[in-house]
């Protein structure tokens, strides 16, 4: 998105950059946030992100098949994985989470867990209403600005909103963090007017869930958070924006801007010059 904000005919700022992921990035590092929303750095395709993209695509196909009244077989899912991997795997620029020789087998294993424990789970059958639902809705408006919240929801059921994760570890062990400050669940529950949100987390040892309930109080807080970010962006502070290096995200592995930021000074710091 080259133009994440502009002014309308009345002179009000119009913000089109707001996604749950951009808000979370701002929490970690405002300089990376600036680079992301203005697209100042080229996208770097990593092994972990690519595996997640391919697994998401296979899950989407399987859910669309169910919505159409015909369930996908596990063999069909593996064929879909091969198709999407042939398309996306060759684009990987950075390896760090997986062995290139083993990543396809890991993808098969993730999908087997998803198929057996989620897709064909008779105790909690999945009933899709929408799959990969895009939304772009007015989130807040005042005399100075108009702000839209955008996103794509993996699965919407009548009474629950889902998001799939295919990580290297079990996020459910950090459930308390998601309960306290997870932005994605608040945004998606607001967008669908469904208060129940579930992460389906397919990790190396199986499947875990994080169930969250969101209400107006959560949405009100997210609006305050987004408003503060919008005011910051509107002020166009000098570059760089506030730097956040107090976490795992400040590394060459996770940040495409690291080499031009902290990475550019690390050798100097290490050598004490």
Protein backbone atom coordinates (compact mmCIF):
# COMPACT_ATOMS: atom_id res chain seq x y z
CA UNK A 1 0.00 0.00 0.00
CA UNK A 2 1.96 2.98 -1.30
CA UNK A 3 -0.49 5.57 0.04
CA UNK A 4 -1.70 4.43 3.46
CA UNK A 5 -3.26 7.81 4.20
CA UNK A 6 -4.47 10.83 2.30
CA UNK A 7 -6.81 13.78 2.78
CA UNK A 8 -10.39 13.88 1.54
CA UNK A 9 -12.20 16.87 0.01
CA UNK A 10 -13.03 18.16 3.50
CA UNK A 11 -9.40 18.11 4.59
CA UNK A 12 -9.77 15.08 6.87
CA UNK A 13 -7.14 12.38 7.03
CA UNK A 14 -8.25 9.06 5.53
CA UNK A 15 -6.38 6.07 6.98
CA UNK A 16 -6.42 2.88 4.93
CA UNK A 17 -3.41 1.13 6.49
CA UNK A 18 -5.10 -0.25 9.59
CA UNK A 19 -4.96 -4.02 9.88
CA UNK A 20 -4.59 -6.08 13.03
CA UNK A 21 -1.08 -7.05 11.91
CA UNK A 22 0.01 -3.42 11.47
CA UNK A 23 -1.24 -2.55 14.96
CA UNK A 24 0.74 -5.46 16.40
CA UNK A 25 3.83 -4.40 14.48
CA UNK A 26 3.52 -0.90 15.94
CA UNK A 27 3.49 -2.45 19.42
CA UNK A 28 6.86 -4.04 18.66
CA UNK A 29 8.68 -1.31 16.73
CA UNK A 30 7.32 1.89 15.21
CA UNK A 31 10.19 2.09 12.72
CA UNK A 32 9.36 -1.32 11.31
CA UNK A 33 5.71 -0.24 11.32
CA UNK A 34 6.68 2.84 9.24
CA UNK A 35 8.58 0.67 6.77
CA UNK A 36 5.67 -1.75 6.50
CA UNK A 37 2.78 0.67 5.96
CA UNK A 38 4.72 2.80 3.47
CA UNK A 39 6.27 -0.29 1.84
CA UNK A 40 9.78 1.11 2.15
CA UNK A 41 11.41 -2.32 2.22
CA UNK A 42 10.81 -5.17 -0.25
CA UNK A 43 8.98 -8.19 1.12
CA UNK A 44 11.31 -11.01 2.15
CA UNK A 45 9.89 -14.51 1.72
CA UNK A 46 10.88 -16.70 4.67
CA UNK A 47 10.56 -20.44 5.05
CA UNK A 48 8.20 -20.22 8.03
CA UNK A 49 5.88 -17.68 6.42
CA UNK A 50 5.82 -19.63 3.16
CA UNK A 51 4.94 -22.89 4.89
CA UNK A 52 2.12 -21.08 6.70
CA UNK A 53 0.87 -19.56 3.45
CA UNK A 54 0.77 -22.93 1.71
CA UNK A 55 -0.95 -24.69 4.63
CA UNK A 56 -3.51 -21.87 4.78
CA UNK A 57 -4.22 -22.26 1.06
CA UNK A 58 -4.80 -26.01 1.45
CA UNK A 59 -7.08 -25.47 4.45
CA UNK A 60 -9.01 -22.84 2.49
CA UNK A 61 -9.60 -25.27 -0.38
CA UNK A 62 -10.77 -27.98 2.00
CA UNK A 63 -13.20 -25.63 3.75
CA UNK A 64 -14.57 -24.33 0.46
CA UNK A 65 -15.14 -27.94 -0.58
CA UNK A 66 -17.09 -28.58 2.61
CA UNK A 67 -19.11 -25.42 2.11
CA UNK A 68 -19.98 -26.72 -1.36
CA UNK A 69 -21.15 -30.01 0.16
CA UNK A 70 -18.21 -32.29 -0.62
CA UNK A 71 -15.42 -32.88 1.88
CA UNK A 72 -11.83 -33.05 0.69
CA UNK A 73 -9.79 -36.20 1.29
CA UNK A 74 -6.43 -36.14 3.03
CA UNK A 75 -4.81 -37.36 -0.19
CA UNK A 76 -6.43 -34.46 -2.02
CA UNK A 77 -5.03 -32.06 0.56
CA UNK A 78 -1.52 -33.42 0.04
CA UNK A 79 -1.90 -32.97 -3.72
CA UNK A 80 -3.00 -29.39 -3.11
CA UNK A 81 0.00 -28.85 -0.85
CA UNK A 82 2.35 -30.06 -3.61
CA UNK A 83 0.69 -27.71 -6.09
CA UNK A 84 0.97 -24.65 -3.85
CA UNK A 85 4.47 -25.56 -2.70
CA UNK A 86 5.66 -25.75 -6.30
CA UNK A 87 4.31 -22.22 -6.71
CA UNK A 88 5.53 -20.62 -3.45
CA UNK A 89 8.47 -22.73 -2.25
CA UNK A 90 10.80 -21.49 -4.97
CA UNK A 91 10.25 -17.91 -3.79
CA UNK A 92 11.85 -18.46 -0.38
CA UNK A 93 14.71 -16.02 0.17
CA UNK A 94 15.55 -16.67 3.80
CA UNK A 95 15.79 -19.98 5.64
CA UNK A 96 15.93 -20.04 9.42
CA UNK A 97 13.15 -22.16 10.93
CA UNK A 98 13.25 -25.33 8.84
CA UNK A 99 15.61 -27.63 6.96
CA UNK A 100 15.02 -27.30 3.20
CA UNK A 101 15.20 -31.08 2.86
CA UNK A 102 12.54 -31.68 5.50
CA UNK A 103 10.09 -28.81 5.13
CA UNK A 104 7.70 -30.58 2.75
CA UNK A 105 7.42 -33.54 5.14
CA UNK A 106 6.76 -31.10 7.98
CA UNK A 107 4.00 -29.52 5.89
CA UNK A 108 2.42 -32.94 5.33
CA UNK A 109 2.57 -33.60 9.08
CA UNK A 110 0.93 -30.27 9.93
CA UNK A 111 -1.86 -30.93 7.47
CA UNK A 112 -2.41 -34.44 8.80
CA UNK A 113 -2.92 -33.03 12.29
CA UNK A 114 -5.24 -30.32 10.93
CA UNK A 115 -7.22 -32.88 8.93
CA UNK A 116 -7.58 -35.42 11.74
CA UNK A 117 -8.08 -33.12 14.71
CA UNK A 118 -9.94 -30.17 13.17
CA UNK A 119 -11.40 -30.91 9.74
CA UNK A 120 -12.78 -34.38 10.51
CA UNK A 121 -13.37 -33.84 14.23
CA UNK A 122 -16.87 -35.24 14.82
CA UNK A 123 -17.02 -33.86 18.38
CA UNK A 124 -16.80 -30.33 17.04
CA UNK A 125 -17.74 -30.33 13.32
CA UNK A 126 -16.68 -27.33 11.26
CA UNK A 127 -19.64 -25.65 9.51
CA UNK A 128 -18.32 -22.87 7.23
CA UNK A 129 -20.42 -19.80 6.51
CA UNK A 130 -17.55 -17.81 5.00
CA UNK A 131 -13.99 -18.79 4.11
CA UNK A 132 -11.20 -16.23 3.65
CA UNK A 133 -13.65 -13.41 4.30
CA UNK A 134 -12.24 -9.99 3.36
CA UNK A 135 -13.55 -6.92 5.18
CA UNK A 136 -12.89 -3.20 4.90
CA UNK A 137 -15.11 -1.33 7.35
CA UNK A 138 -15.30 2.13 8.86
CA UNK A 139 -13.75 1.79 12.31
CA UNK A 140 -13.74 5.35 13.62
CA UNK A 141 -14.55 8.83 12.38
CA UNK A 142 -14.25 12.30 13.85
CA UNK A 143 -13.75 15.88 12.63
CA UNK A 144 -10.11 15.22 11.74
CA UNK A 145 -9.97 11.72 10.32
CA UNK A 146 -11.71 8.69 8.84
CA UNK A 147 -10.23 5.29 9.68
CA UNK A 148 -10.95 1.98 7.98
CA UNK A 149 -10.09 -1.41 9.47
CA UNK A 150 -9.26 -4.12 6.97
CA UNK A 151 -8.52 -7.81 7.19
CA UNK A 152 -9.06 -11.36 5.97
CA UNK A 153 -10.70 -13.94 8.24
CA UNK A 154 -9.81 -17.58 7.72
CA UNK A 155 -13.18 -19.05 8.73
CA UNK A 156 -16.52 -17.69 9.90
CA UNK A 157 -19.11 -19.99 11.43
CA UNK A 158 -22.51 -18.96 12.72
CA UNK A 159 -21.23 -18.49 16.26
CA UNK A 160 -17.42 -18.50 16.00
CA UNK A 161 -14.60 -16.81 14.10
CA UNK A 162 -11.45 -18.86 13.43
CA UNK A 163 -7.83 -18.21 12.56
CA UNK A 164 -5.36 -20.94 11.62
CA UNK A 165 -1.79 -21.00 12.84
CA UNK A 166 0.93 -23.42 11.67
CA UNK A 167 3.85 -22.39 13.92
CA UNK A 168 7.04 -24.03 15.16
CA UNK A 169 5.75 -24.00 18.74
CA UNK A 170 2.49 -24.25 20.67
CA UNK A 171 1.08 -20.73 21.09
CA UNK A 172 -1.59 -22.01 23.48
CA UNK A 173 1.00 -22.08 26.25
CA UNK A 174 0.83 -18.27 26.16
CA UNK A 175 -2.96 -18.09 26.27
CA UNK A 176 -2.97 -15.50 29.04
CA UNK A 177 -1.14 -13.06 26.76
CA UNK A 178 -3.76 -13.48 24.04
CA UNK A 179 -6.55 -13.00 26.58
CA UNK A 180 -5.05 -9.70 27.73
CA UNK A 181 -3.96 -7.96 24.54
CA UNK A 182 -4.63 -9.93 21.36
CA UNK A 183 -5.61 -7.48 18.60
CA UNK A 184 -6.59 -10.01 15.93
CA UNK A 185 -9.45 -11.53 17.90
CA UNK A 186 -10.85 -8.08 18.78
CA UNK A 187 -10.71 -6.89 15.16
CA UNK A 188 -12.30 -10.02 13.72
CA UNK A 189 -15.06 -10.25 16.33
CA UNK A 190 -15.90 -6.59 15.73
CA UNK A 191 -15.93 -7.06 11.95
CA UNK A 192 -18.34 -10.02 12.09
CA UNK A 193 -20.34 -9.03 15.18
CA UNK A 194 -19.58 -12.49 16.57
CA UNK A 195 -18.17 -12.48 20.12
CA UNK A 196 -16.45 -15.88 20.00
CA UNK A 197 -12.99 -16.34 18.51
CA UNK A 198 -10.84 -19.44 18.26
CA UNK A 199 -7.23 -19.97 17.22
CA UNK A 200 -6.66 -23.41 15.73
CA UNK A 201 -2.93 -23.94 16.29
CA UNK A 202 -1.31 -26.84 14.42
CA UNK A 203 2.19 -27.23 15.85
CA UNK A 204 4.88 -29.95 15.86
CA UNK A 205 3.15 -32.12 18.46
CA UNK A 206 -0.48 -31.77 17.42
CA UNK A 207 -3.29 -29.22 17.67
CA UNK A 208 -4.13 -26.74 20.41
CA UNK A 209 -6.80 -24.07 20.74
CA UNK A 210 -7.10 -20.63 22.24
CA UNK A 211 -10.71 -19.61 22.81
CA UNK A 212 -11.42 -15.92 23.38
CA UNK A 213 -14.55 -13.86 23.93
CA UNK A 214 -14.59 -10.21 22.88
CA UNK A 215 -17.12 -7.50 23.66
CA UNK A 216 -17.61 -3.74 23.32
CA UNK A 217 -15.04 -2.96 26.00
CA UNK A 218 -12.34 -4.65 23.91
CA UNK A 219 -13.41 -2.80 20.77
CA UNK A 220 -13.44 0.54 22.60
CA UNK A 221 -9.88 -0.04 23.76
CA UNK A 222 -8.75 -0.99 20.25
CA UNK A 223 -10.27 2.24 18.93
CA UNK A 224 -8.27 4.24 21.48
CA UNK A 225 -5.13 2.38 20.46
CA UNK A 226 -5.74 2.91 16.73
CA UNK A 227 -6.61 6.58 17.26
CA UNK A 228 -3.31 7.18 19.03
CA UNK A 229 -1.44 5.49 16.17
CA UNK A 230 -3.31 7.55 13.58
CA UNK A 231 -2.41 10.78 15.38
CA UNK A 232 1.23 9.69 15.45
CA UNK A 233 1.26 8.88 11.72
CA UNK A 234 -0.45 12.19 10.91
CA UNK A 235 2.24 14.12 12.77
CA UNK A 236 4.86 12.73 10.33
CA UNK A 237 7.71 12.65 12.85
CA UNK A 238 11.28 12.70 11.60
CA UNK A 239 12.82 9.38 10.61
CA UNK A 240 13.48 7.02 12.17
CA UNK A 241 10.36 6.50 14.22
CA UNK A 242 10.64 5.04 17.71
CA UNK A 243 12.88 1.98 17.69
CA UNK A 244 11.93 -1.19 19.53
CA UNK A 245 14.73 -3.69 20.06
CA UNK A 246 13.55 -5.26 23.31
CA UNK A 247 12.31 -8.55 21.91
CA UNK A 248 12.80 -11.42 19.46
CA UNK A 249 11.48 -9.30 16.58
CA UNK A 250 14.63 -7.15 16.48
CA UNK A 251 16.79 -9.58 14.53
CA UNK A 252 17.88 -10.37 11.01
CA UNK A 253 15.63 -13.42 11.06
CA UNK A 254 12.41 -11.53 11.74
CA UNK A 255 12.84 -7.97 10.45
CA UNK A 256 13.59 -7.11 6.82
CA UNK A 257 14.83 -3.67 7.91
CA UNK A 258 17.28 -4.99 10.52
CA UNK A 259 20.38 -4.70 8.31
CA UNK A 260 19.68 -0.99 7.78
CA UNK A 261 18.80 -0.41 11.43
CA UNK A 262 20.31 -2.11 14.47
CA UNK A 263 22.21 -4.55 12.27
CA UNK A 264 24.16 -1.66 10.78
CA UNK A 265 25.50 -0.70 14.21
CA UNK A 266 25.88 -4.13 15.82
CA UNK A 267 29.49 -4.70 14.74
CA UNK A 268 30.46 -1.30 16.11
CA UNK A 269 28.75 -2.00 19.41
CA UNK A 270 30.31 -5.45 19.72
CA UNK A 271 33.79 -4.14 19.01
CA UNK A 272 33.35 -1.30 21.45
CA UNK A 273 34.26 1.35 18.92
